[in-house]
């Protein structure tokens, strides 16, 4: 009977030990190495001039832009004239007729 708790204890230790990960080896991309690479790239970018953009042909610009001449918007039509209607003590049927 004593072997059963010991067996369970060993199994638990083995299970927990299997979950542990070994320490990672030092990476070549450590924070200091990354910062050094960034600085080197910035130095190279600062010393080399940026390439000049190739000018686009006028035909491309004309094809991409919508026509610049458009019709002026038409003004809205004039509103209909309004009138006031004052009615007192008249049935609705007579008013609407």
PDB file of N, CA and C in Angstrom:
ATOM      1  N   UNK A   1       0.793  -1.191   0.000  1.00  0.00           N
ATOM      2  CA  UNK A   1       0.000   0.000   0.000  1.00  0.00           C
ATOM      3  C   UNK A   1       0.841   1.263   0.000  1.00  0.00           C
ATOM      4  N   UNK A   2       2.060   1.163   0.556  1.00  0.00           N
ATOM      5  CA  UNK A   2       2.907   2.351   0.583  1.00  0.00           C
ATOM      6  C   UNK A   2       3.429   2.692  -0.801  1.00  0.00           C
ATOM      7  N   UNK A   3       3.475   1.743  -1.660  1.00  0.00           N
ATOM      8  CA  UNK A   3       4.028   2.010  -2.986  1.00  0.00           C
ATOM      9  C   UNK A   3       3.077   2.846  -3.849  1.00  0.00           C
ATOM     10  N   UNK A   4       1.775   2.777  -3.562  1.00  0.00           N
ATOM     11  CA  UNK A   4       0.816   3.542  -4.360  1.00  0.00           C
ATOM     12  C   UNK A   4       1.011   5.056  -4.197  1.00  0.00           C
ATOM     13  N   UNK A   5       1.113   5.617  -2.979  1.00  0.00           N
ATOM     14  CA  UNK A   5       1.362   7.063  -2.865  1.00  0.00           C
ATOM     15  C   UNK A   5       2.724   7.463  -3.424  1.00  0.00           C
ATOM     16  N   UNK A   6       3.701   6.635  -3.268  1.00  0.00           N
ATOM     17  CA  UNK A   6       5.032   6.945  -3.807  1.00  0.00           C
ATOM     18  C   UNK A   6       4.977   6.981  -5.324  1.00  0.00           C
ATOM     19  N   UNK A   7       4.254   6.030  -5.912  1.00  0.00           N
ATOM     20  CA  UNK A   7       4.127   5.985  -7.366  1.00  0.00           C
ATOM     21  C   UNK A   7       3.417   7.231  -7.886  1.00  0.00           C
ATOM     22  N   UNK A   8       2.327   7.613  -7.204  1.00  0.00           N
ATOM     23  CA  UNK A   8       1.619   8.831  -7.620  1.00  0.00           C
ATOM     24  C   UNK A   8       2.495  10.069  -7.447  1.00  0.00           C
ATOM     25  N   UNK A   9       3.290  10.115  -6.405  1.00  0.00           N
ATOM     26  CA  UNK A   9       4.191  11.248  -6.173  1.00  0.00           C
ATOM     27  C   UNK A   9       5.238  11.355  -7.268  1.00  0.00           C
ATOM     28  N   UNK A  10       5.816  10.202  -7.646  1.00  0.00           N
ATOM     29  CA  UNK A  10       6.810  10.210  -8.722  1.00  0.00           C
ATOM     30  C   UNK A  10       6.178  10.608 -10.057  1.00  0.00           C
ATOM     31  N   UNK A  11       4.969  10.122 -10.306  1.00  0.00           N
ATOM     32  CA  UNK A  11       4.279  10.469 -11.557  1.00  0.00           C
ATOM     33  C   UNK A  11       4.000  11.965 -11.602  1.00  0.00           C
ATOM     34  N   UNK A  12       3.605  12.541 -10.466  1.00  0.00           N
ATOM     35  CA  UNK A  12       3.340  13.987 -10.412  1.00  0.00           C
ATOM     36  C   UNK A  12       4.626  14.770 -10.644  1.00  0.00           C
ATOM     37  N   UNK A  13       5.727  14.347 -10.063  1.00  0.00           N
ATOM     38  CA  UNK A  13       7.007  15.038 -10.266  1.00  0.00           C
ATOM     39  C   UNK A  13       7.450  14.951 -11.720  1.00  0.00           C
ATOM     40  N   UNK A  14       7.286  13.771 -12.326  1.00  0.00           N
ATOM     41  CA  UNK A  14       7.660  13.621 -13.729  1.00  0.00           C
ATOM     42  C   UNK A  14       6.783  14.497 -14.634  1.00  0.00           C
ATOM     43  N   UNK A  15       5.490  14.569 -14.321  1.00  0.00           N
ATOM     44  CA  UNK A  15       4.583  15.398 -15.131  1.00  0.00           C
ATOM     45  C   UNK A  15       4.945  16.871 -15.013  1.00  0.00           C
ATOM     46  N   UNK A  16       5.238  17.317 -13.815  1.00  0.00           N
ATOM     47  CA  UNK A  16       5.621  18.725 -13.632  1.00  0.00           C
ATOM     48  C   UNK A  16       6.979  19.011 -14.253  1.00  0.00           C
ATOM     49  N   UNK A  17       7.883  18.060 -14.186  1.00  0.00           N
ATOM     50  CA  UNK A  17       9.205  18.247 -14.788  1.00  0.00           C
ATOM     51  C   UNK A  17       9.133  18.291 -16.301  1.00  0.00           C
ATOM     52  N   UNK A  18       8.171  17.579 -16.881  1.00  0.00           N
ATOM     53  CA  UNK A  18       8.028  17.574 -18.331  1.00  0.00           C
ATOM     54  C   UNK A  18       7.510  18.917 -18.834  1.00  0.00           C
ATOM     55  N   UNK A  19       6.798  19.645 -17.987  1.00  0.00           N
ATOM     56  CA  UNK A  19       6.249  20.948 -18.400  1.00  0.00           C
ATOM     57  C   UNK A  19       7.304  22.047 -18.380  1.00  0.00           C
ATOM     58  N   UNK A  20       8.407  21.830 -17.668  1.00  0.00           N
ATOM     59  CA  UNK A  20       9.437  22.853 -17.578  1.00  0.00           C
ATOM     60  C   UNK A  20      10.181  22.950 -18.903  1.00  0.00           C
ATOM     61  N   UNK A  21      10.479  24.147 -19.315  1.00  0.00           N
ATOM     62  CA  UNK A  21      11.227  24.345 -20.557  1.00  0.00           C
ATOM     63  C   UNK A  21      12.669  24.673 -20.219  1.00  0.00           C
ATOM     64  N   UNK A  22      13.574  24.190 -21.022  1.00  0.00           N
ATOM     65  CA  UNK A  22      14.976  24.523 -20.750  1.00  0.00           C
ATOM     66  C   UNK A  22      15.222  25.998 -21.073  1.00  0.00           C
ATOM     67  N   UNK A  23      16.197  26.594 -20.454  1.00  0.00           N
ATOM     68  CA  UNK A  23      16.482  28.005 -20.742  1.00  0.00           C
ATOM     69  C   UNK A  23      16.908  28.165 -22.204  1.00  0.00           C
ATOM     70  N   UNK A  24      16.450  29.246 -22.809  1.00  0.00           N
ATOM     71  CA  UNK A  24      16.756  29.496 -24.219  1.00  0.00           C
ATOM     72  C   UNK A  24      18.210  29.936 -24.362  1.00  0.00           C
ATOM     73  N   UNK A  25      18.862  29.504 -25.428  1.00  0.00           N
ATOM     74  CA  UNK A  25      20.235  29.973 -25.650  1.00  0.00           C
ATOM     75  C   UNK A  25      20.202  31.452 -26.012  1.00  0.00           C
ATOM     76  N   UNK A  26      21.285  32.151 -25.801  1.00  0.00           N
ATOM     77  CA  UNK A  26      21.302  33.579 -26.134  1.00  0.00           C
ATOM     78  C   UNK A  26      21.028  33.768 -27.620  1.00  0.00           C
ATOM     79  N   UNK A  27      20.152  34.681 -27.912  1.00  0.00           N
ATOM     80  CA  UNK A  27      19.724  34.924 -29.283  1.00  0.00           C
ATOM     81  C   UNK A  27      20.649  35.936 -29.956  1.00  0.00           C
ATOM     82  N   UNK A  28      20.911  35.755 -31.262  1.00  0.00           N
ATOM     83  CA  UNK A  28      21.702  36.777 -31.953  1.00  0.00           C
ATOM     84  C   UNK A  28      20.903  38.068 -32.089  1.00  0.00           C
ATOM     85  N   UNK A  29      19.585  37.993 -31.883  1.00  0.00           N
ATOM     86  CA  UNK A  29      18.758  39.182 -31.975  1.00  0.00           C
ATOM     87  C   UNK A  29      18.439  39.732 -30.584  1.00  0.00           C
ATOM     88  N   UNK A  30      19.406  39.741 -29.710  1.00  0.00           N
ATOM     89  CA  UNK A  30      19.217  40.299 -28.382  1.00  0.00           C
ATOM     90  C   UNK A  30      18.923  41.790 -28.526  1.00  0.00           C
ATOM     91  N   UNK A  31      18.336  42.423 -27.515  1.00  0.00           N
ATOM     92  CA  UNK A  31      17.981  43.844 -27.644  1.00  0.00           C
ATOM     93  C   UNK A  31      19.144  44.737 -28.078  1.00  0.00           C
ATOM     94  N   UNK A  32      20.337  44.482 -27.568  1.00  0.00           N
ATOM     95  CA  UNK A  32      21.483  45.311 -27.950  1.00  0.00           C
ATOM     96  C   UNK A  32      21.821  45.091 -29.422  1.00  0.00           C
ATOM     97  N   UNK A  33      21.751  43.841 -29.893  1.00  0.00           N
ATOM     98  CA  UNK A  33      22.059  43.551 -31.287  1.00  0.00           C
ATOM     99  C   UNK A  33      21.011  44.181 -32.201  1.00  0.00           C
ATOM    100  N   UNK A  34      19.778  44.162 -31.788  1.00  0.00           N
ATOM    101  CA  UNK A  34      18.717  44.766 -32.588  1.00  0.00           C
ATOM    102  C   UNK A  34      18.923  46.267 -32.689  1.00  0.00           C
ATOM    103  N   UNK A  35      19.243  46.894 -31.587  1.00  0.00           N
ATOM    104  CA  UNK A  35      19.484  48.334 -31.591  1.00  0.00           C
ATOM    105  C   UNK A  35      20.678  48.682 -32.478  1.00  0.00           C
ATOM    106  N   UNK A  36      21.720  47.849 -32.439  1.00  0.00           N
ATOM    107  CA  UNK A  36      22.879  48.096 -33.306  1.00  0.00           C
ATOM    108  C   UNK A  36      22.494  47.975 -34.779  1.00  0.00           C
ATOM    109  N   UNK A  37      21.646  46.983 -35.118  1.00  0.00           N
ATOM    110  CA  UNK A  37      21.209  46.834 -36.515  1.00  0.00           C
ATOM    111  C   UNK A  37      20.377  48.023 -36.963  1.00  0.00           C
ATOM    112  N   UNK A  38      19.530  48.517 -36.073  1.00  0.00           N
ATOM    113  CA  UNK A  38      18.709  49.683 -36.409  1.00  0.00           C
ATOM    114  C   UNK A  38      19.595  50.893 -36.674  1.00  0.00           C
ATOM    115  N   UNK A  39      20.572  51.107 -35.817  1.00  0.00           N
ATOM    116  CA  UNK A  39      21.475  52.260 -35.994  1.00  0.00           C
ATOM    117  C   UNK A  39      22.267  52.136 -37.297  1.00  0.00           C
ATOM    118  N   UNK A  40      22.722  50.927 -37.623  1.00  0.00           N
ATOM    119  CA  UNK A  40      23.485  50.731 -38.860  1.00  0.00           C
ATOM    120  C   UNK A  40      22.602  50.998 -40.084  1.00  0.00           C
ATOM    121  N   UNK A  41      21.373  50.525 -40.060  1.00  0.00           N
ATOM    122  CA  UNK A  41      20.454  50.785 -41.173  1.00  0.00           C
ATOM    123  C   UNK A  41      20.195  52.283 -41.319  1.00  0.00           C
ATOM    124  N   UNK A  42      20.050  52.976 -40.210  1.00  0.00           N
ATOM    125  CA  UNK A  42      19.808  54.425 -40.267  1.00  0.00           C
ATOM    126  C   UNK A  42      21.032  55.149 -40.833  1.00  0.00           C
ATOM    127  N   UNK A  43      22.230  54.708 -40.448  1.00  0.00           N
ATOM    128  CA  UNK A  43      23.443  55.324 -40.994  1.00  0.00           C
ATOM    129  C   UNK A  43      23.523  55.118 -42.506  1.00  0.00           C
ATOM    130  N   UNK A  44      23.230  53.901 -42.956  1.00  0.00           N
ATOM    131  CA  UNK A  44      23.272  53.618 -44.391  1.00  0.00           C
ATOM    132  C   UNK A  44      22.220  54.437 -45.135  1.00  0.00           C
ATOM    133  N   UNK A  45      21.043  54.562 -44.574  1.00  0.00           N
ATOM    134  CA  UNK A  45      19.983  55.336 -45.234  1.00  0.00           C
ATOM    135  C   UNK A  45      20.354  56.813 -45.303  1.00  0.00           C
ATOM    136  N   UNK A  46      21.054  57.316 -44.301  1.00  0.00           N
ATOM    137  CA  UNK A  46      21.429  58.728 -44.301  1.00  0.00           C
ATOM    138  C   UNK A  46      22.545  59.019 -45.295  1.00  0.00           C
ATOM    139  N   UNK A  47      23.422  58.058 -45.561  1.00  0.00           N
ATOM    140  CA  UNK A  47      24.542  58.321 -46.463  1.00  0.00           C
ATOM    141  C   UNK A  47      24.173  58.126 -47.925  1.00  0.00           C
ATOM    142  N   UNK A  48      23.195  57.260 -48.228  1.00  0.00           N
ATOM    143  CA  UNK A  48      22.801  57.031 -49.617  1.00  0.00           C
ATOM    144  C   UNK A  48      21.625  57.928 -49.964  1.00  0.00           C
ATOM    145  N   UNK A  49      21.712  58.656 -51.068  1.00  0.00           N
ATOM    146  CA  UNK A  49      20.584  59.520 -51.431  1.00  0.00           C
ATOM    147  C   UNK A  49      19.389  58.672 -51.892  1.00  0.00           C
ATOM    148  N   UNK A  50      18.228  59.228 -51.704  1.00  0.00           N
ATOM    149  CA  UNK A  50      17.010  58.536 -52.129  1.00  0.00           C
ATOM    150  C   UNK A  50      16.912  58.568 -53.647  1.00  0.00           C
ATOM    151  N   UNK A  51      16.417  57.508 -54.259  1.00  0.00           N
ATOM    152  CA  UNK A  51      16.292  57.513 -55.717  1.00  0.00           C
ATOM    153  C   UNK A  51      15.247  58.536 -56.155  1.00  0.00           C
ATOM    154  N   UNK A  52      15.519  59.178 -57.288  1.00  0.00           N
ATOM    155  CA  UNK A  52      14.601  60.181 -57.823  1.00  0.00           C
ATOM    156  C   UNK A  52      13.410  59.475 -58.470  1.00  0.00           C
ATOM    157  N   UNK A  53      12.209  59.976 -58.238  1.00  0.00           N
ATOM    158  CA  UNK A  53      11.052  59.333 -58.853  1.00  0.00           C
ATOM    159  C   UNK A  53      11.042  59.552 -60.361  1.00  0.00           C
ATOM    160  N   UNK A  54      10.557  58.570 -61.065  1.00  0.00           N
ATOM    161  CA  UNK A  54      10.467  58.653 -62.522  1.00  0.00           C
ATOM    162  C   UNK A  54       9.227  59.474 -62.862  1.00  0.00           C
ATOM    163  N   UNK A  55       9.368  60.506 -63.707  1.00  0.00           N
ATOM    164  CA  UNK A  55       8.193  61.328 -64.031  1.00  0.00           C
ATOM    165  C   UNK A  55       7.175  60.517 -64.832  1.00  0.00           C
ATOM    166  N   UNK A  56       5.903  60.765 -64.547  1.00  0.00           N
ATOM    167  CA  UNK A  56       4.825  60.079 -65.264  1.00  0.00           C
ATOM    168  C   UNK A  56       4.547  60.795 -66.567  1.00  0.00           C
ATOM    169  N   UNK A  57       4.186  60.055 -67.591  1.00  0.00           N
ATOM    170  CA  UNK A  57       3.776  60.693 -68.844  1.00  0.00           C
ATOM    171  C   UNK A  57       2.451  61.441 -68.645  1.00  0.00           C
ATOM    172  N   UNK A  58       2.240  62.484 -69.440  1.00  0.00           N
ATOM    173  CA  UNK A  58       1.011  63.264 -69.343  1.00  0.00           C
ATOM    174  C   UNK A  58      -0.217  62.413 -69.662  1.00  0.00           C
ATOM    175  N   UNK A  59      -0.065  61.428 -70.536  1.00  0.00           N
ATOM    176  CA  UNK A  59      -1.197  60.580 -70.894  1.00  0.00           C
ATOM    177  C   UNK A  59      -1.709  59.818 -69.672  1.00  0.00           C
ATOM    178  N   UNK A  60      -0.815  59.425 -68.788  1.00  0.00           N
ATOM    179  CA  UNK A  60      -1.225  58.708 -67.580  1.00  0.00           C
ATOM    180  C   UNK A  60      -2.015  59.645 -66.674  1.00  0.00           C
ATOM    181  N   UNK A  61      -1.535  60.869 -66.506  1.00  0.00           N
ATOM    182  CA  UNK A  61      -2.250  61.830 -65.669  1.00  0.00           C
ATOM    183  C   UNK A  61      -3.641  62.118 -66.235  1.00  0.00           C
ATOM    184  N   UNK A  62      -3.744  62.276 -67.548  1.00  0.00           N
ATOM    185  CA  UNK A  62      -5.046  62.552 -68.160  1.00  0.00           C
ATOM    186  C   UNK A  62      -5.991  61.358 -67.988  1.00  0.00           C
ATOM    187  N   UNK A  63      -5.453  60.155 -68.042  1.00  0.00           N
ATOM    188  CA  UNK A  63      -6.297  58.972 -67.906  1.00  0.00           C
ATOM    189  C   UNK A  63      -6.768  58.782 -66.460  1.00  0.00           C
ATOM    190  N   UNK A  64      -5.978  59.214 -65.502  1.00  0.00           N
ATOM    191  CA  UNK A  64      -6.332  59.009 -64.101  1.00  0.00           C
ATOM    192  C   UNK A  64      -7.237  60.101 -63.540  1.00  0.00           C
ATOM    193  N   UNK A  65      -7.126  61.320 -64.055  1.00  0.00           N
ATOM    194  CA  UNK A  65      -7.916  62.424 -63.527  1.00  0.00           C
ATOM    195  C   UNK A  65      -9.261  62.502 -64.228  1.00  0.00           C
ATOM    196  N   UNK A  66     -10.310  62.856 -63.512  1.00  0.00           N
ATOM    197  CA  UNK A  66     -11.599  63.060 -64.177  1.00  0.00           C
ATOM    198  C   UNK A  66     -11.536  64.367 -64.975  1.00  0.00           C
ATOM    199  N   UNK A  67     -12.453  64.565 -65.916  1.00  0.00           N
ATOM    200  CA  UNK A  67     -12.430  65.815 -66.671  1.00  0.00           C
ATOM    201  C   UNK A  67     -12.628  67.003 -65.726  1.00  0.00           C
ATOM    202  N   UNK A  68     -11.844  68.034 -65.938  1.00  0.00           N
ATOM    203  CA  UNK A  68     -11.886  69.180 -65.033  1.00  0.00           C
ATOM    204  C   UNK A  68     -12.975  70.179 -65.411  1.00  0.00           C
ATOM    205  N   UNK A  69     -13.577  70.058 -66.582  1.00  0.00           N
ATOM    206  CA  UNK A  69     -14.642  70.966 -66.988  1.00  0.00           C
ATOM    207  C   UNK A  69     -15.975  70.290 -66.711  1.00  0.00           C
ATOM    208  N   UNK A  70     -16.743  70.878 -65.853  1.00  0.00           N
ATOM    209  CA  UNK A  70     -18.051  70.329 -65.529  1.00  0.00           C
ATOM    210  C   UNK A  70     -19.096  71.428 -65.669  1.00  0.00           C
ATOM    211  N   UNK A  71     -20.355  71.014 -65.765  1.00  0.00           N
ATOM    212  CA  UNK A  71     -21.432  71.988 -65.834  1.00  0.00           C
ATOM    213  C   UNK A  71     -21.674  72.577 -64.453  1.00  0.00           C
ATOM    214  N   UNK A  72     -22.042  73.854 -64.461  1.00  0.00           N
ATOM    215  CA  UNK A  72     -22.389  74.484 -63.194  1.00  0.00           C
ATOM    216  C   UNK A  72     -23.713  73.893 -62.719  1.00  0.00           C
ATOM    217  N   UNK A  73     -23.866  73.702 -61.441  1.00  0.00           N
ATOM    218  CA  UNK A  73     -25.134  73.144 -60.958  1.00  0.00           C
ATOM    219  C   UNK A  73     -26.277  74.113 -61.222  1.00  0.00           C
ATOM    220  N   UNK A  74     -27.427  73.561 -61.589  1.00  0.00           N
ATOM    221  CA  UNK A  74     -28.590  74.386 -61.864  1.00  0.00           C
ATOM    222  C   UNK A  74     -29.215  74.830 -60.552  1.00  0.00           C
ATOM    223  N   UNK A  75     -29.671  76.071 -60.499  1.00  0.00           N
ATOM    224  CA  UNK A  75     -30.318  76.522 -59.258  1.00  0.00           C
ATOM    225  C   UNK A  75     -31.649  75.809 -59.073  1.00  0.00           C
ATOM    226  N   UNK A  76     -32.084  75.651 -57.856  1.00  0.00           N
ATOM    227  CA  UNK A  76     -33.364  74.974 -57.628  1.00  0.00           C
ATOM    228  C   UNK A  76     -34.517  75.824 -58.164  1.00  0.00           C
ATOM    229  N   UNK A  77     -35.621  75.185 -58.516  1.00  0.00           N
ATOM    230  CA  UNK A  77     -36.747  75.982 -59.026  1.00  0.00           C
ATOM    231  C   UNK A  77     -37.295  76.897 -57.946  1.00  0.00           C
ATOM    232  N   UNK A  78     -37.916  77.968 -58.402  1.00  0.00           N
ATOM    233  CA  UNK A  78     -38.479  78.936 -57.447  1.00  0.00           C
ATOM    234  C   UNK A  78     -39.606  78.271 -56.667  1.00  0.00           C
ATOM    235  N   UNK A  79     -39.711  78.554 -55.401  1.00  0.00           N
ATOM    236  CA  UNK A  79     -40.778  77.928 -54.615  1.00  0.00           C
ATOM    237  C   UNK A  79     -42.146  78.467 -55.048  1.00  0.00           C
ATOM    238  N   UNK A  80     -43.153  77.636 -54.880  1.00  0.00           N
ATOM    239  CA  UNK A  80     -44.507  78.061 -55.211  1.00  0.00           C
ATOM    240  C   UNK A  80     -44.950  79.146 -54.241  1.00  0.00           C
ATOM    241  N   UNK A  81     -45.798  80.052 -54.729  1.00  0.00           N
ATOM    242  CA  UNK A  81     -46.259  81.107 -53.807  1.00  0.00           C
ATOM    243  C   UNK A  81     -47.111  80.508 -52.681  1.00  0.00           C
ATOM    244  N   UNK A  82     -46.996  81.072 -51.530  1.00  0.00           N
ATOM    245  CA  UNK A  82     -47.745  80.600 -50.372  1.00  0.00           C
ATOM    246  C   UNK A  82     -48.946  81.504 -50.128  1.00  0.00           C
ATOM    247  N   UNK A  83     -49.899  80.957 -49.466  1.00  0.00           N
ATOM    248  CA  UNK A  83     -51.062  81.758 -49.085  1.00  0.00           C
ATOM    249  C   UNK A  83     -51.516  81.324 -47.705  1.00  0.00           C
ATOM    250  N   UNK A  84     -52.183  82.230 -47.024  1.00  0.00           N
ATOM    251  CA  UNK A  84     -52.718  81.954 -45.698  1.00  0.00           C
ATOM    252  C   UNK A  84     -54.220  81.734 -45.816  1.00  0.00           C
ATOM    253  N   UNK A  85     -54.731  80.865 -45.022  1.00  0.00           N
ATOM    254  CA  UNK A  85     -56.152  80.566 -45.019  1.00  0.00           C
ATOM    255  C   UNK A  85     -56.640  80.700 -43.590  1.00  0.00           C
ATOM    256  N   UNK A  86     -57.533  81.611 -43.374  1.00  0.00           N
ATOM    257  CA  UNK A  86     -58.090  81.822 -42.041  1.00  0.00           C
ATOM    258  C   UNK A  86     -59.550  81.401 -42.071  1.00  0.00           C
ATOM    259  N   UNK A  87     -59.902  80.406 -41.329  1.00  0.00           N
ATOM    260  CA  UNK A  87     -61.255  79.870 -41.306  1.00  0.00           C
ATOM    261  C   UNK A  87     -61.705  79.783 -39.855  1.00  0.00           C
ATOM    262  N   UNK A  88     -62.951  80.156 -39.639  1.00  0.00           N
ATOM    263  CA  UNK A  88     -63.477  79.961 -38.288  1.00  0.00           C
ATOM    264  C   UNK A  88     -64.889  79.418 -38.389  1.00  0.00           C
ATOM    265  N   UNK A  89     -65.139  78.383 -37.647  1.00  0.00           N
ATOM    266  CA  UNK A  89     -66.449  77.728 -37.542  1.00  0.00           C
ATOM    267  C   UNK A  89     -66.964  77.249 -38.896  1.00  0.00           C
ATOM    268  N   UNK A  90     -66.107  76.660 -39.751  1.00  0.00           N
ATOM    269  CA  UNK A  90     -66.540  76.119 -41.031  1.00  0.00           C
ATOM    270  C   UNK A  90     -66.262  74.625 -41.021  1.00  0.00           C
ATOM    271  N   UNK A  91     -67.144  73.830 -41.627  1.00  0.00           N
ATOM    272  CA  UNK A  91     -66.883  72.400 -41.707  1.00  0.00           C
ATOM    273  C   UNK A  91     -65.687  72.113 -42.622  1.00  0.00           C
ATOM    274  N   UNK A  92     -64.935  71.082 -42.331  1.00  0.00           N
ATOM    275  CA  UNK A  92     -63.729  70.759 -43.088  1.00  0.00           C
ATOM    276  C   UNK A  92     -64.048  70.472 -44.540  1.00  0.00           C
ATOM    277  N   UNK A  93     -65.174  69.875 -44.835  1.00  0.00           N
ATOM    278  CA  UNK A  93     -65.528  69.553 -46.211  1.00  0.00           C
ATOM    279  C   UNK A  93     -65.643  70.825 -47.054  1.00  0.00           C
ATOM    280  N   UNK A  94     -66.246  71.860 -46.505  1.00  0.00           N
ATOM    281  CA  UNK A  94     -66.377  73.111 -47.255  1.00  0.00           C
ATOM    282  C   UNK A  94     -65.037  73.805 -47.429  1.00  0.00           C
ATOM    283  N   UNK A  95     -64.167  73.670 -46.417  1.00  0.00           N
ATOM    284  CA  UNK A  95     -62.835  74.324 -46.501  1.00  0.00           C
ATOM    285  C   UNK A  95     -62.020  73.674 -47.604  1.00  0.00           C
ATOM    286  N   UNK A  96     -62.029  72.351 -47.664  1.00  0.00           N
ATOM    287  CA  UNK A  96     -61.191  71.667 -48.639  1.00  0.00           C
ATOM    288  C   UNK A  96     -61.773  71.685 -50.052  1.00  0.00           C
ATOM    289  N   UNK A  97     -63.043  71.934 -50.197  1.00  0.00           N
ATOM    290  CA  UNK A  97     -63.624  72.039 -51.531  1.00  0.00           C
ATOM    291  C   UNK A  97     -63.306  73.392 -52.084  1.00  0.00           C
TER     292      UNK A  97
END
